[in-house]
C-alpha cells in the first residue's frame, strides 16, 4: 500500500511541476529560466519514478498485472516431434 501512495504522490508532483512550467511560460514568456527549471524538475521526477517502478517490480514489491503480465508467466510448450510417415509397399 505504501508503494502505491509513493507512486501517486510522484505523479501529483510531476503534474504540479508541469503546471508550474505552464504558468511561468504564460506569465512571462521572455524569462524562460523558471520554465526550464520546472520542466527539468519534471524530467527528474519522471526518471526517479521510472527507476522506482523498475526496482519495485524487480524486487517483488509490485506485481504487474494487465495486458503483458502473463507473457512472462507462460512457458512455451515443448515441440512434440511426430515420426515421419513411411511408405510400406
N, C-alpha and C. Protein backbone atom coordinates (compact mmCIF):
# COMPACT_ATOMS: atom_id res chain seq x y z
N UNK A 1 0.83 -1.19 0.00
CA UNK A 1 0.00 0.00 0.00
C UNK A 1 0.87 1.25 0.00
N UNK A 2 1.99 1.19 0.70
CA UNK A 2 2.87 2.35 0.76
C UNK A 2 3.46 2.66 -0.62
N UNK A 3 3.72 1.64 -1.38
CA UNK A 3 4.29 1.83 -2.72
C UNK A 3 3.30 2.58 -3.60
N UNK A 4 2.03 2.24 -3.50
CA UNK A 4 1.02 2.93 -4.29
C UNK A 4 0.90 4.40 -3.89
N UNK A 5 1.04 4.69 -2.62
CA UNK A 5 0.99 6.08 -2.16
C UNK A 5 2.18 6.86 -2.70
N UNK A 6 3.36 6.25 -2.69
CA UNK A 6 4.56 6.91 -3.22
C UNK A 6 4.40 7.19 -4.71
N UNK A 7 3.85 6.23 -5.44
CA UNK A 7 3.62 6.41 -6.88
C UNK A 7 2.62 7.53 -7.13
N UNK A 8 1.53 7.55 -6.36
CA UNK A 8 0.51 8.59 -6.54
C UNK A 8 1.08 9.98 -6.22
N UNK A 9 1.87 10.09 -5.18
CA UNK A 9 2.48 11.37 -4.83
C UNK A 9 3.45 11.81 -5.92
N UNK A 10 4.21 10.87 -6.46
CA UNK A 10 5.15 11.20 -7.54
C UNK A 10 4.40 11.71 -8.77
N UNK A 11 3.30 11.05 -9.12
CA UNK A 11 2.50 11.52 -10.26
C UNK A 11 1.96 12.92 -10.00
N UNK A 12 1.48 13.17 -8.79
CA UNK A 12 0.97 14.51 -8.47
C UNK A 12 2.07 15.56 -8.56
N UNK A 13 3.25 15.24 -8.07
CA UNK A 13 4.37 16.19 -8.16
C UNK A 13 4.76 16.47 -9.61
N UNK A 14 4.70 15.45 -10.44
CA UNK A 14 5.02 15.63 -11.86
C UNK A 14 4.00 16.56 -12.51
N UNK A 15 2.72 16.37 -12.18
CA UNK A 15 1.67 17.22 -12.75
C UNK A 15 1.80 18.65 -12.23
N UNK A 16 2.11 18.81 -10.95
CA UNK A 16 2.30 20.15 -10.39
C UNK A 16 3.49 20.85 -11.05
N UNK A 17 4.56 20.12 -11.27
CA UNK A 17 5.72 20.70 -11.93
C UNK A 17 5.40 21.13 -13.35
N UNK A 18 4.63 20.32 -14.05
CA UNK A 18 4.22 20.67 -15.41
C UNK A 18 3.31 21.90 -15.40
N UNK A 19 2.41 21.98 -14.44
CA UNK A 19 1.55 23.15 -14.31
C UNK A 19 2.34 24.41 -13.97
N UNK A 20 3.35 24.27 -13.14
CA UNK A 20 4.20 25.40 -12.79
C UNK A 20 4.95 25.91 -14.02
N UNK A 21 5.44 24.99 -14.83
CA UNK A 21 6.13 25.39 -16.06
C UNK A 21 5.18 26.12 -17.00
N UNK A 22 3.95 25.62 -17.12
CA UNK A 22 2.97 26.29 -17.97
C UNK A 22 2.64 27.68 -17.44
N UNK A 23 2.49 27.81 -16.14
CA UNK A 23 2.20 29.10 -15.53
C UNK A 23 3.31 30.11 -15.83
N UNK A 24 4.55 29.71 -15.62
CA UNK A 24 5.68 30.61 -15.87
C UNK A 24 5.83 30.93 -17.36
N UNK A 25 5.49 29.99 -18.21
CA UNK A 25 5.56 30.23 -19.65
C UNK A 25 4.51 31.24 -20.10
N UNK A 26 3.31 31.13 -19.54
CA UNK A 26 2.24 32.05 -19.93
C UNK A 26 2.43 33.43 -19.29
N UNK A 27 2.88 33.43 -18.04
CA UNK A 27 3.01 34.69 -17.29
C UNK A 27 4.10 35.57 -17.88
N UNK A 28 5.24 35.02 -18.15
CA UNK A 28 6.37 35.82 -18.64
C UNK A 28 7.17 34.99 -19.65
N UNK A 29 6.79 35.04 -20.92
CA UNK A 29 7.47 34.21 -21.92
C UNK A 29 8.94 34.60 -22.16
N UNK A 30 9.31 35.84 -21.87
CA UNK A 30 10.69 36.25 -22.11
C UNK A 30 11.65 35.65 -21.07
N UNK A 31 11.18 35.43 -19.88
CA UNK A 31 12.04 34.89 -18.82
C UNK A 31 11.80 33.38 -18.74
N UNK A 32 12.65 32.62 -19.40
CA UNK A 32 12.42 31.17 -19.51
C UNK A 32 13.17 30.37 -18.45
N UNK A 33 13.90 31.02 -17.55
CA UNK A 33 14.67 30.27 -16.54
C UNK A 33 13.76 29.43 -15.64
N UNK A 34 12.66 30.03 -15.18
CA UNK A 34 11.77 29.31 -14.28
C UNK A 34 11.06 28.17 -15.02
N UNK A 35 10.75 28.41 -16.28
CA UNK A 35 10.11 27.36 -17.08
C UNK A 35 11.06 26.19 -17.27
N UNK A 36 12.30 26.49 -17.58
CA UNK A 36 13.30 25.42 -17.78
C UNK A 36 13.53 24.65 -16.49
N UNK A 37 13.59 25.35 -15.37
CA UNK A 37 13.79 24.67 -14.08
C UNK A 37 12.62 23.75 -13.75
N UNK A 38 11.40 24.24 -14.01
CA UNK A 38 10.22 23.42 -13.71
C UNK A 38 10.16 22.19 -14.62
N UNK A 39 10.49 22.37 -15.89
CA UNK A 39 10.49 21.22 -16.80
C UNK A 39 11.62 20.25 -16.48
N UNK A 40 12.76 20.78 -16.06
CA UNK A 40 13.87 19.90 -15.64
C UNK A 40 13.49 19.11 -14.40
N UNK A 41 12.76 19.75 -13.50
CA UNK A 41 12.28 19.06 -12.30
C UNK A 41 11.31 17.95 -12.69
N UNK A 42 10.46 18.21 -13.66
CA UNK A 42 9.51 17.19 -14.12
C UNK A 42 10.23 16.01 -14.73
N UNK A 43 11.26 16.27 -15.52
CA UNK A 43 12.02 15.18 -16.13
C UNK A 43 12.73 14.36 -15.06
N UNK A 44 13.31 15.05 -14.09
CA UNK A 44 13.98 14.34 -12.99
C UNK A 44 13.01 13.49 -12.18
N UNK A 45 11.83 14.03 -11.89
CA UNK A 45 10.83 13.27 -11.14
C UNK A 45 10.35 12.06 -11.95
N UNK A 46 10.20 12.25 -13.24
CA UNK A 46 9.76 11.14 -14.09
C UNK A 46 10.80 10.03 -14.13
N UNK A 47 12.07 10.40 -14.22
CA UNK A 47 13.14 9.39 -14.20
C UNK A 47 13.20 8.66 -12.87
N UNK A 48 13.04 9.40 -11.77
CA UNK A 48 13.04 8.76 -10.46
C UNK A 48 11.85 7.81 -10.31
N UNK A 49 10.70 8.22 -10.81
CA UNK A 49 9.53 7.35 -10.74
C UNK A 49 9.75 6.08 -11.57
N UNK A 50 10.34 6.23 -12.76
CA UNK A 50 10.62 5.07 -13.60
C UNK A 50 11.59 4.12 -12.89
N UNK A 51 12.65 4.65 -12.31
CA UNK A 51 13.61 3.81 -11.59
C UNK A 51 12.96 3.13 -10.39
N UNK A 52 12.13 3.88 -9.68
CA UNK A 52 11.44 3.31 -8.53
C UNK A 52 10.53 2.16 -8.96
N UNK A 53 9.78 2.35 -10.04
CA UNK A 53 8.90 1.29 -10.53
C UNK A 53 9.70 0.08 -10.99
N UNK A 54 10.81 0.31 -11.68
CA UNK A 54 11.66 -0.78 -12.14
C UNK A 54 12.19 -1.59 -10.96
N UNK A 55 12.68 -0.92 -9.94
CA UNK A 55 13.22 -1.60 -8.76
C UNK A 55 12.11 -2.31 -8.00
N UNK A 56 10.93 -1.66 -7.89
CA UNK A 56 9.82 -2.28 -7.17
C UNK A 56 9.34 -3.55 -7.86
N UNK A 57 9.31 -3.56 -9.17
CA UNK A 57 8.90 -4.76 -9.89
C UNK A 57 9.98 -5.84 -9.78
N UNK A 58 11.25 -5.43 -9.88
CA UNK A 58 12.35 -6.39 -9.82
C UNK A 58 12.45 -7.05 -8.45
N UNK A 59 12.15 -6.31 -7.38
CA UNK A 59 12.25 -6.86 -6.03
C UNK A 59 10.97 -7.53 -5.57
N UNK A 60 9.90 -7.38 -6.33
CA UNK A 60 8.65 -8.03 -5.96
C UNK A 60 7.72 -7.18 -5.13
N UNK A 61 8.04 -5.90 -4.92
CA UNK A 61 7.13 -5.03 -4.18
C UNK A 61 5.84 -4.79 -4.95
N UNK A 62 5.95 -4.78 -6.27
CA UNK A 62 4.79 -4.61 -7.14
C UNK A 62 4.74 -5.82 -8.06
N UNK A 63 3.56 -6.39 -8.18
CA UNK A 63 3.40 -7.50 -9.12
C UNK A 63 2.57 -6.99 -10.29
N UNK A 64 3.17 -6.95 -11.48
CA UNK A 64 2.43 -6.42 -12.62
C UNK A 64 1.26 -7.32 -13.00
N UNK A 65 0.19 -6.68 -13.39
CA UNK A 65 -0.97 -7.39 -13.90
C UNK A 65 -1.59 -6.53 -14.99
N UNK A 66 -2.04 -7.16 -16.00
CA UNK A 66 -2.59 -6.42 -17.13
C UNK A 66 -2.32 -7.15 -18.43
N UNK A 67 -2.15 -6.38 -19.47
CA UNK A 67 -2.04 -6.95 -20.81
C UNK A 67 -0.80 -7.84 -20.96
N UNK A 68 0.37 -7.35 -20.61
CA UNK A 68 1.59 -8.10 -20.85
C UNK A 68 2.09 -8.88 -19.66
N UNK A 69 1.34 -8.92 -18.56
CA UNK A 69 1.83 -9.57 -17.35
C UNK A 69 1.93 -11.07 -17.50
N UNK A 70 1.02 -11.69 -18.23
CA UNK A 70 1.02 -13.14 -18.36
C UNK A 70 2.03 -13.65 -19.36
N UNK A 71 2.62 -12.76 -20.14
CA UNK A 71 3.58 -13.20 -21.16
C UNK A 71 4.81 -13.83 -20.51
N UNK A 72 5.23 -13.31 -19.38
CA UNK A 72 6.41 -13.85 -18.71
C UNK A 72 6.09 -15.14 -17.99
N UNK A 73 4.87 -15.32 -17.57
CA UNK A 73 4.49 -16.49 -16.79
C UNK A 73 4.26 -17.72 -17.66
N UNK A 74 3.87 -17.50 -18.91
CA UNK A 74 3.58 -18.63 -19.78
C UNK A 74 4.87 -19.27 -20.26
N UNK A 75 4.95 -20.55 -20.06
CA UNK A 75 6.12 -21.27 -20.54
C UNK A 75 5.76 -21.89 -21.88
N UNK A 76 6.66 -21.80 -22.83
CA UNK A 76 6.35 -22.38 -24.14
C UNK A 76 6.24 -23.89 -24.04
N UNK A 77 5.29 -24.42 -24.75
CA UNK A 77 5.09 -25.87 -24.78
C UNK A 77 6.20 -26.49 -25.64
N UNK A 78 6.78 -27.58 -25.17
CA UNK A 78 7.83 -28.22 -25.98
C UNK A 78 7.23 -28.81 -27.25
N UNK A 79 7.99 -28.74 -28.29
CA UNK A 79 7.55 -29.29 -29.56
C UNK A 79 7.57 -30.81 -29.48
N UNK A 80 6.51 -31.41 -29.94
CA UNK A 80 6.45 -32.86 -29.96
C UNK A 80 6.64 -33.32 -31.39
N UNK A 81 7.71 -34.01 -31.59
CA UNK A 81 8.04 -34.48 -32.93
C UNK A 81 7.28 -35.75 -33.22
N UNK A 82 6.65 -35.79 -34.36
CA UNK A 82 5.94 -36.99 -34.78
C UNK A 82 6.82 -37.71 -35.80
N UNK A 83 6.80 -39.00 -35.76
CA UNK A 83 7.65 -39.74 -36.72
C UNK A 83 7.14 -39.48 -38.15
N UNK A 84 8.09 -39.45 -39.03
CA UNK A 84 7.76 -39.23 -40.44
C UNK A 84 7.01 -40.44 -40.99
N UNK A 85 6.00 -40.19 -41.78
CA UNK A 85 5.26 -41.34 -42.34
C UNK A 85 6.16 -42.15 -43.29
N UNK A 86 6.05 -43.43 -43.18
CA UNK A 86 6.83 -44.32 -44.06
C UNK A 86 5.89 -45.01 -45.03
N UNK A 87 6.41 -45.29 -46.19
CA UNK A 87 5.62 -45.98 -47.20
C UNK A 87 5.93 -47.48 -47.13
N UNK A 88 4.94 -48.24 -46.90
CA UNK A 88 5.11 -49.69 -46.87
C UNK A 88 4.50 -50.28 -48.14
N UNK A 89 5.31 -50.83 -48.99
CA UNK A 89 4.85 -51.45 -50.24
C UNK A 89 4.91 -52.93 -50.14
